[in-house]
Amino acid sequence: MTKNSIKEQPKTESQPKQKSSGGNIVSRSFSSVLSGAFLSREKTIRSLPFIFFITFITLCYIANGFYAEEQIRKMNKITNELKELHSEYIISKSELSDISNRLEVVKRAQAIGLKESVAEAPRIISVHSKIQSDN
């Protein structure tokens, strides 16, 4: 049988702990961002492609928002123009209806020296002709 013995653990060198800059984690993180120290960490360097991707997507999202707002402004402008043109159409149609009224036409014709024909009813002129065929 073997004898039980205690295995010695290899001694690990402990790294000296970094002094905290004081304050809570929010203020330390904020100062790390302002100083740029977070950029030198390996975890940050490994995740740079993802950070750039997220930044690109965010910029596209913001640009899309601006584009959509511009399109909405254009659509509202065109809608207002359409309403204005429709009301102008209705006004013009009403004026044309008033001007083309029989009494209004008679008044305007008298102003330039024309008279309304009231003595005779209009006649239909018909022409009867025989078509000869060359057969």
N, C-alpha and C. Protein backbone atom coordinates (compact mmCIF):
# COMPACT_ATOMS: atom_id res chain seq x y z
N MET A 1 0.81 -1.18 0.00
CA MET A 1 0.00 0.00 0.00
C MET A 1 0.85 1.24 0.00
N THR A 2 0.21 2.21 -0.55
CA THR A 2 0.95 3.46 -0.64
C THR A 2 0.65 4.33 0.55
N LYS A 3 1.56 5.09 0.79
CA LYS A 3 1.46 5.97 1.94
C LYS A 3 0.84 7.29 1.53
N ASN A 4 -0.09 7.74 2.31
CA ASN A 4 -0.72 9.04 2.02
C ASN A 4 0.26 10.15 2.35
N SER A 5 0.31 11.06 1.41
CA SER A 5 1.18 12.21 1.67
C SER A 5 0.50 13.48 1.16
N ILE A 6 0.90 14.57 1.61
CA ILE A 6 0.32 15.87 1.22
C ILE A 6 1.10 16.41 0.04
N LYS A 7 0.38 16.72 -0.98
CA LYS A 7 1.03 17.30 -2.15
C LYS A 7 1.20 18.79 -1.91
N GLU A 8 2.34 19.23 -2.30
CA GLU A 8 2.59 20.66 -2.13
C GLU A 8 2.07 21.41 -3.36
N GLN A 9 1.42 22.43 -3.10
CA GLN A 9 0.89 23.28 -4.17
C GLN A 9 2.00 24.19 -4.67
N PRO A 10 2.12 24.31 -6.01
CA PRO A 10 3.14 25.24 -6.49
C PRO A 10 2.75 26.67 -6.14
N LYS A 11 3.73 27.41 -5.79
CA LYS A 11 3.47 28.80 -5.39
C LYS A 11 3.27 29.65 -6.64
N THR A 12 2.20 30.35 -6.64
CA THR A 12 1.93 31.26 -7.76
C THR A 12 2.31 32.66 -7.33
N GLU A 13 2.88 33.34 -8.28
CA GLU A 13 3.26 34.71 -7.98
C GLU A 13 2.00 35.57 -8.09
N SER A 14 1.75 36.27 -7.06
CA SER A 14 0.57 37.14 -7.08
C SER A 14 0.97 38.49 -7.65
N GLN A 15 0.12 38.96 -8.51
CA GLN A 15 0.38 40.25 -9.11
C GLN A 15 -0.06 41.32 -8.13
N PRO A 16 0.68 42.38 -8.11
CA PRO A 16 0.28 43.44 -7.17
C PRO A 16 -1.06 44.04 -7.64
N LYS A 17 -1.94 44.24 -6.73
CA LYS A 17 -3.24 44.81 -7.05
C LYS A 17 -3.09 46.27 -7.42
N GLN A 18 -3.88 46.66 -8.44
CA GLN A 18 -3.85 48.04 -8.87
C GLN A 18 -4.62 48.86 -7.86
N LYS A 19 -4.09 50.01 -7.65
CA LYS A 19 -4.78 50.89 -6.72
C LYS A 19 -6.01 51.44 -7.43
N SER A 20 -7.09 51.42 -6.74
CA SER A 20 -8.29 52.02 -7.34
C SER A 20 -8.14 53.52 -7.27
N SER A 21 -8.67 54.15 -8.28
CA SER A 21 -8.53 55.60 -8.34
C SER A 21 -9.51 56.28 -7.41
N GLY A 22 -10.19 55.48 -6.63
CA GLY A 22 -11.13 56.05 -5.69
C GLY A 22 -12.48 56.20 -6.34
N GLY A 23 -13.48 56.34 -5.55
CA GLY A 23 -14.81 56.53 -6.07
C GLY A 23 -15.46 55.21 -6.46
N ASN A 24 -16.64 55.30 -6.94
CA ASN A 24 -17.36 54.09 -7.31
C ASN A 24 -17.00 53.65 -8.73
N ILE A 25 -17.61 52.61 -9.19
CA ILE A 25 -17.28 52.02 -10.49
C ILE A 25 -17.67 52.94 -11.64
N VAL A 26 -18.70 53.73 -11.46
CA VAL A 26 -19.14 54.64 -12.53
C VAL A 26 -18.10 55.71 -12.77
N SER A 27 -17.60 56.29 -11.71
CA SER A 27 -16.61 57.36 -11.88
C SER A 27 -15.30 56.79 -12.43
N ARG A 28 -14.92 55.56 -12.02
CA ARG A 28 -13.71 54.94 -12.56
C ARG A 28 -13.87 54.63 -14.05
N SER A 29 -15.04 54.12 -14.43
CA SER A 29 -15.29 53.82 -15.84
C SER A 29 -15.28 55.09 -16.67
N PHE A 30 -15.88 56.12 -16.12
CA PHE A 30 -15.93 57.41 -16.83
C PHE A 30 -14.54 57.98 -17.03
N SER A 31 -13.73 57.91 -16.00
CA SER A 31 -12.36 58.44 -16.12
C SER A 31 -11.53 57.57 -17.07
N SER A 32 -11.81 56.25 -17.12
CA SER A 32 -11.13 55.36 -18.04
C SER A 32 -11.47 55.72 -19.48
N VAL A 33 -12.73 56.06 -19.74
CA VAL A 33 -13.15 56.45 -21.09
C VAL A 33 -12.52 57.78 -21.47
N LEU A 34 -12.53 58.73 -20.55
CA LEU A 34 -11.97 60.05 -20.86
C LEU A 34 -10.46 59.98 -21.09
N SER A 35 -9.78 59.16 -20.33
CA SER A 35 -8.33 59.08 -20.49
C SER A 35 -7.93 58.20 -21.67
N GLY A 36 -8.81 57.34 -22.14
CA GLY A 36 -8.51 56.47 -23.26
C GLY A 36 -7.85 55.17 -22.82
N ALA A 37 -7.79 54.93 -21.53
CA ALA A 37 -7.12 53.74 -21.02
C ALA A 37 -7.88 52.47 -21.39
N PHE A 38 -9.18 52.56 -21.58
CA PHE A 38 -9.96 51.37 -21.92
C PHE A 38 -9.59 50.82 -23.30
N LEU A 39 -9.02 51.69 -24.17
CA LEU A 39 -8.65 51.25 -25.51
C LEU A 39 -7.44 50.32 -25.52
N SER A 40 -6.64 50.36 -24.48
CA SER A 40 -5.44 49.52 -24.46
C SER A 40 -5.71 48.13 -23.91
N ARG A 41 -6.89 47.88 -23.44
CA ARG A 41 -7.22 46.54 -22.93
C ARG A 41 -7.39 45.58 -24.09
N GLU A 42 -6.97 44.35 -23.87
CA GLU A 42 -7.02 43.35 -24.94
C GLU A 42 -8.47 42.99 -25.30
N LYS A 43 -9.34 42.97 -24.32
CA LYS A 43 -10.75 42.66 -24.58
C LYS A 43 -11.36 43.70 -25.52
N THR A 44 -11.00 44.95 -25.31
CA THR A 44 -11.52 46.02 -26.16
C THR A 44 -10.97 45.89 -27.57
N ILE A 45 -9.69 45.58 -27.69
CA ILE A 45 -9.07 45.45 -29.00
C ILE A 45 -9.68 44.29 -29.78
N ARG A 46 -9.98 43.18 -29.09
CA ARG A 46 -10.59 42.04 -29.78
C ARG A 46 -12.00 42.35 -30.25
N SER A 47 -12.69 43.23 -29.55
CA SER A 47 -14.07 43.52 -29.92
C SER A 47 -14.21 44.75 -30.82
N LEU A 48 -13.11 45.30 -31.31
CA LEU A 48 -13.19 46.48 -32.19
C LEU A 48 -13.99 46.24 -33.46
N PRO A 49 -13.86 45.12 -34.16
CA PRO A 49 -14.70 44.94 -35.35
C PRO A 49 -16.19 44.99 -35.03
N PHE A 50 -16.58 44.40 -33.93
CA PHE A 50 -17.99 44.44 -33.53
C PHE A 50 -18.41 45.87 -33.19
N ILE A 51 -17.54 46.60 -32.51
CA ILE A 51 -17.85 47.99 -32.16
C ILE A 51 -18.00 48.83 -33.43
N PHE A 52 -17.11 48.62 -34.40
CA PHE A 52 -17.24 49.34 -35.66
C PHE A 52 -18.53 48.97 -36.39
N PHE A 53 -18.91 47.71 -36.35
CA PHE A 53 -20.15 47.26 -36.99
C PHE A 53 -21.36 47.93 -36.34
N ILE A 54 -21.38 47.93 -35.02
CA ILE A 54 -22.50 48.56 -34.29
C ILE A 54 -22.54 50.06 -34.60
N THR A 55 -21.37 50.70 -34.68
CA THR A 55 -21.32 52.12 -35.01
C THR A 55 -21.87 52.37 -36.41
N PHE A 56 -21.49 51.53 -37.36
CA PHE A 56 -21.99 51.66 -38.74
C PHE A 56 -23.50 51.48 -38.79
N ILE A 57 -24.01 50.47 -38.11
CA ILE A 57 -25.46 50.24 -38.08
C ILE A 57 -26.18 51.43 -37.45
N THR A 58 -25.61 51.99 -36.39
CA THR A 58 -26.23 53.14 -35.73
C THR A 58 -26.27 54.34 -36.67
N LEU A 59 -25.18 54.58 -37.39
CA LEU A 59 -25.17 55.70 -38.33
C LEU A 59 -26.18 55.50 -39.45
N CYS A 60 -26.30 54.27 -39.93
CA CYS A 60 -27.31 53.98 -40.96
C CYS A 60 -28.73 54.21 -40.43
N TYR A 61 -28.96 53.82 -39.19
CA TYR A 61 -30.27 54.00 -38.57
C TYR A 61 -30.60 55.49 -38.45
N ILE A 62 -29.64 56.30 -38.04
CA ILE A 62 -29.85 57.74 -37.91
C ILE A 62 -30.10 58.36 -39.29
N ALA A 63 -29.29 57.96 -40.28
CA ALA A 63 -29.48 58.49 -41.64
C ALA A 63 -30.85 58.11 -42.18
N ASN A 64 -31.29 56.90 -41.91
CA ASN A 64 -32.61 56.45 -42.37
C ASN A 64 -33.71 57.29 -41.72
N GLY A 65 -33.54 57.65 -40.46
CA GLY A 65 -34.51 58.50 -39.78
C GLY A 65 -34.61 59.87 -40.43
N PHE A 66 -33.45 60.46 -40.76
CA PHE A 66 -33.45 61.76 -41.42
C PHE A 66 -34.09 61.66 -42.80
N TYR A 67 -33.79 60.59 -43.53
CA TYR A 67 -34.37 60.40 -44.87
C TYR A 67 -35.89 60.26 -44.78
N ALA A 68 -36.36 59.50 -43.80
CA ALA A 68 -37.80 59.30 -43.64
C ALA A 68 -38.50 60.62 -43.30
N GLU A 69 -37.89 61.42 -42.43
CA GLU A 69 -38.49 62.71 -42.09
C GLU A 69 -38.54 63.63 -43.31
N GLU A 70 -37.50 63.60 -44.13
CA GLU A 70 -37.49 64.41 -45.34
C GLU A 70 -38.60 63.98 -46.29
N GLN A 71 -38.78 62.67 -46.44
CA GLN A 71 -39.83 62.17 -47.32
C GLN A 71 -41.21 62.54 -46.80
N ILE A 72 -41.39 62.52 -45.49
CA ILE A 72 -42.68 62.91 -44.90
C ILE A 72 -42.94 64.39 -45.16
N ARG A 73 -41.89 65.23 -45.02
CA ARG A 73 -42.07 66.66 -45.30
C ARG A 73 -42.45 66.88 -46.76
N LYS A 74 -41.79 66.17 -47.68
CA LYS A 74 -42.13 66.30 -49.10
C LYS A 74 -43.57 65.86 -49.36
N MET A 75 -43.96 64.75 -48.74
CA MET A 75 -45.32 64.23 -48.94
C MET A 75 -46.36 65.23 -48.41
N ASN A 76 -46.10 65.84 -47.26
CA ASN A 76 -47.02 66.84 -46.73
C ASN A 76 -47.11 68.06 -47.64
N LYS A 77 -45.96 68.47 -48.20
CA LYS A 77 -45.96 69.61 -49.11
C LYS A 77 -46.78 69.31 -50.35
N ILE A 78 -46.59 68.12 -50.92
CA ILE A 78 -47.33 67.74 -52.13
C ILE A 78 -48.83 67.61 -51.81
N THR A 79 -49.16 67.08 -50.64
CA THR A 79 -50.58 66.96 -50.25
C THR A 79 -51.22 68.34 -50.14
N ASN A 80 -50.49 69.30 -49.56
CA ASN A 80 -51.03 70.66 -49.46
C ASN A 80 -51.20 71.29 -50.83
N GLU A 81 -50.24 71.07 -51.73
CA GLU A 81 -50.38 71.58 -53.10
C GLU A 81 -51.58 70.96 -53.79
N LEU A 82 -51.79 69.66 -53.57
CA LEU A 82 -52.93 68.97 -54.18
C LEU A 82 -54.25 69.56 -53.68
N LYS A 83 -54.33 69.81 -52.38
CA LYS A 83 -55.55 70.41 -51.83
C LYS A 83 -55.78 71.80 -52.42
N GLU A 84 -54.70 72.57 -52.56
CA GLU A 84 -54.82 73.92 -53.12
C GLU A 84 -55.27 73.86 -54.58
N LEU A 85 -54.69 72.96 -55.36
CA LEU A 85 -55.07 72.83 -56.76
C LEU A 85 -56.51 72.33 -56.90
N HIS A 86 -56.93 71.45 -56.01
CA HIS A 86 -58.31 70.95 -56.06
C HIS A 86 -59.29 72.10 -55.78
N SER A 87 -58.99 72.92 -54.78
CA SER A 87 -59.89 74.05 -54.50
C SER A 87 -59.88 75.05 -55.66
N GLU A 88 -58.71 75.25 -56.29
CA GLU A 88 -58.64 76.12 -57.46
C GLU A 88 -59.47 75.55 -58.61
N TYR A 89 -59.44 74.24 -58.78
CA TYR A 89 -60.24 73.58 -59.82
C TYR A 89 -61.73 73.81 -59.56
N ILE A 90 -62.15 73.65 -58.33
CA ILE A 90 -63.58 73.84 -58.00
C ILE A 90 -64.00 75.28 -58.26
N ILE A 91 -63.15 76.24 -57.89
CA ILE A 91 -63.47 77.66 -58.12
C ILE A 91 -63.56 77.94 -59.61
N SER A 92 -62.60 77.43 -60.38
CA SER A 92 -62.62 77.65 -61.84
C SER A 92 -63.84 77.01 -62.48
N LYS A 93 -64.19 75.82 -62.04
CA LYS A 93 -65.37 75.13 -62.58
C LYS A 93 -66.64 75.91 -62.27
N SER A 94 -66.73 76.47 -61.08
CA SER A 94 -67.89 77.28 -60.70
C SER A 94 -67.97 78.54 -61.55
N GLU A 95 -66.81 79.20 -61.75
CA GLU A 95 -66.80 80.41 -62.59
C GLU A 95 -67.19 80.08 -64.03
N LEU A 96 -66.69 78.96 -64.56
CA LEU A 96 -67.04 78.55 -65.91
C LEU A 96 -68.54 78.26 -66.01
N SER A 97 -69.08 77.64 -65.00
CA SER A 97 -70.52 77.35 -65.00
C SER A 97 -71.32 78.65 -65.02
N ASP A 98 -70.86 79.64 -64.25
CA ASP A 98 -71.56 80.93 -64.24
C ASP A 98 -71.43 81.64 -65.58
N ILE A 99 -70.25 81.60 -66.17
CA ILE A 99 -70.02 82.31 -67.44
C ILE A 99 -70.77 81.63 -68.59
N SER A 100 -70.87 80.32 -68.57
CA SER A 100 -71.51 79.62 -69.67
C SER A 100 -73.04 79.56 -69.53
N ASN A 101 -73.58 80.16 -68.53
CA ASN A 101 -75.02 80.27 -68.37
C ASN A 101 -75.58 81.05 -69.56
N ARG A 102 -76.77 80.66 -70.04
CA ARG A 102 -77.34 81.24 -71.25
C ARG A 102 -77.52 82.75 -71.12
N LEU A 103 -78.03 83.21 -70.01
CA LEU A 103 -78.25 84.65 -69.85
C LEU A 103 -76.93 85.42 -69.83
N GLU A 104 -75.92 84.85 -69.22
CA GLU A 104 -74.61 85.50 -69.17
C GLU A 104 -73.99 85.58 -70.57
N VAL A 105 -74.18 84.53 -71.38
CA VAL A 105 -73.67 84.53 -72.75
C VAL A 105 -74.39 85.61 -73.56
N VAL A 106 -75.70 85.74 -73.39
CA VAL A 106 -76.47 86.76 -74.11
C VAL A 106 -75.99 88.16 -73.73
N LYS A 107 -75.76 88.40 -72.45
CA LYS A 107 -75.29 89.72 -72.01
C LYS A 107 -73.93 90.05 -72.62
N ARG A 108 -73.03 89.10 -72.62
CA ARG A 108 -71.69 89.33 -73.18
C ARG A 108 -71.75 89.50 -74.70
N ALA A 109 -72.67 88.78 -75.36
CA ALA A 109 -72.80 88.91 -76.81
C ALA A 109 -73.36 90.28 -77.18
N GLN A 110 -74.30 90.78 -76.39
CA GLN A 110 -74.87 92.11 -76.66
C GLN A 110 -73.82 93.19 -76.46
N ALA A 111 -72.87 92.95 -75.54
CA ALA A 111 -71.83 93.95 -75.29
C ALA A 111 -70.94 94.14 -76.51
N ILE A 112 -70.78 93.10 -77.33
CA ILE A 112 -69.94 93.25 -78.53
C ILE A 112 -70.78 93.42 -79.80
N GLY A 113 -72.10 93.57 -79.65
CA GLY A 113 -72.95 93.88 -80.79
C GLY A 113 -73.65 92.70 -81.42
N LEU A 114 -73.68 91.57 -80.83
CA LEU A 114 -74.40 90.41 -81.36
C LEU A 114 -75.76 90.32 -80.70
N LYS A 115 -76.71 89.75 -81.47
CA LYS A 115 -78.06 89.61 -80.95
C LYS A 115 -78.42 88.14 -80.89
N GLU A 116 -79.35 87.83 -80.00
CA GLU A 116 -79.83 86.46 -79.87
C GLU A 116 -80.90 86.23 -80.94
N SER A 117 -80.85 85.11 -81.59
CA SER A 117 -81.81 84.78 -82.62
C SER A 117 -83.05 84.21 -81.95
N VAL A 118 -84.16 84.98 -82.02
CA VAL A 118 -85.39 84.52 -81.39
C VAL A 118 -86.53 84.40 -82.40
N ALA A 119 -86.37 84.96 -83.60
CA ALA A 119 -87.44 84.99 -84.58
C ALA A 119 -87.70 83.62 -85.19
N GLU A 120 -86.70 82.94 -85.64
CA GLU A 120 -86.89 81.67 -86.32
C GLU A 120 -86.21 80.55 -85.56
N ALA A 121 -86.82 79.43 -85.63
CA ALA A 121 -86.22 78.25 -85.04
C ALA A 121 -85.13 77.74 -85.97
N PRO A 122 -84.15 77.14 -85.50
CA PRO A 122 -83.10 76.63 -86.39
C PRO A 122 -83.64 75.54 -87.30
N ARG A 123 -83.11 75.48 -88.51
CA ARG A 123 -83.55 74.49 -89.48
C ARG A 123 -82.45 73.47 -89.71
N ILE A 124 -82.88 72.30 -90.09
CA ILE A 124 -81.93 71.24 -90.42
C ILE A 124 -81.78 71.21 -91.92
N ILE A 125 -80.56 71.29 -92.38
CA ILE A 125 -80.29 71.24 -93.81
C ILE A 125 -79.82 69.83 -94.11
N SER A 126 -80.50 69.18 -94.99
CA SER A 126 -80.10 67.83 -95.35
C SER A 126 -79.86 67.77 -96.85
N VAL A 127 -78.86 67.06 -97.26
CA VAL A 127 -78.48 66.93 -98.65
C VAL A 127 -78.64 65.47 -99.03
N HIS A 128 -79.44 65.24 -100.09
CA HIS A 128 -79.63 63.88 -100.58
C HIS A 128 -78.84 63.77 -101.87
N SER A 129 -77.99 62.82 -101.94
CA SER A 129 -77.22 62.63 -103.18
C SER A 129 -77.12 61.15 -103.48
N LYS A 130 -77.09 60.89 -104.75
CA LYS A 130 -76.96 59.50 -105.16
C LYS A 130 -75.51 59.23 -105.45
N ILE A 131 -75.03 58.13 -104.94
CA ILE A 131 -73.65 57.75 -105.20
C ILE A 131 -73.67 56.74 -106.33
N GLN A 132 -73.00 57.08 -107.41
CA GLN A 132 -72.96 56.17 -108.54
C GLN A 132 -71.74 55.29 -108.40
N SER A 133 -71.97 54.06 -108.63
CA SER A 133 -70.85 53.13 -108.52
C SER A 133 -70.25 52.90 -109.90
N ASP A 134 -68.99 52.67 -110.01
CA ASP A 134 -68.27 52.48 -111.27
C ASP A 134 -68.21 51.01 -111.65
N ASN A 135 -69.07 50.21 -111.28
CA ASN A 135 -69.03 48.78 -111.59
C ASN A 135 -69.36 48.53 -112.98
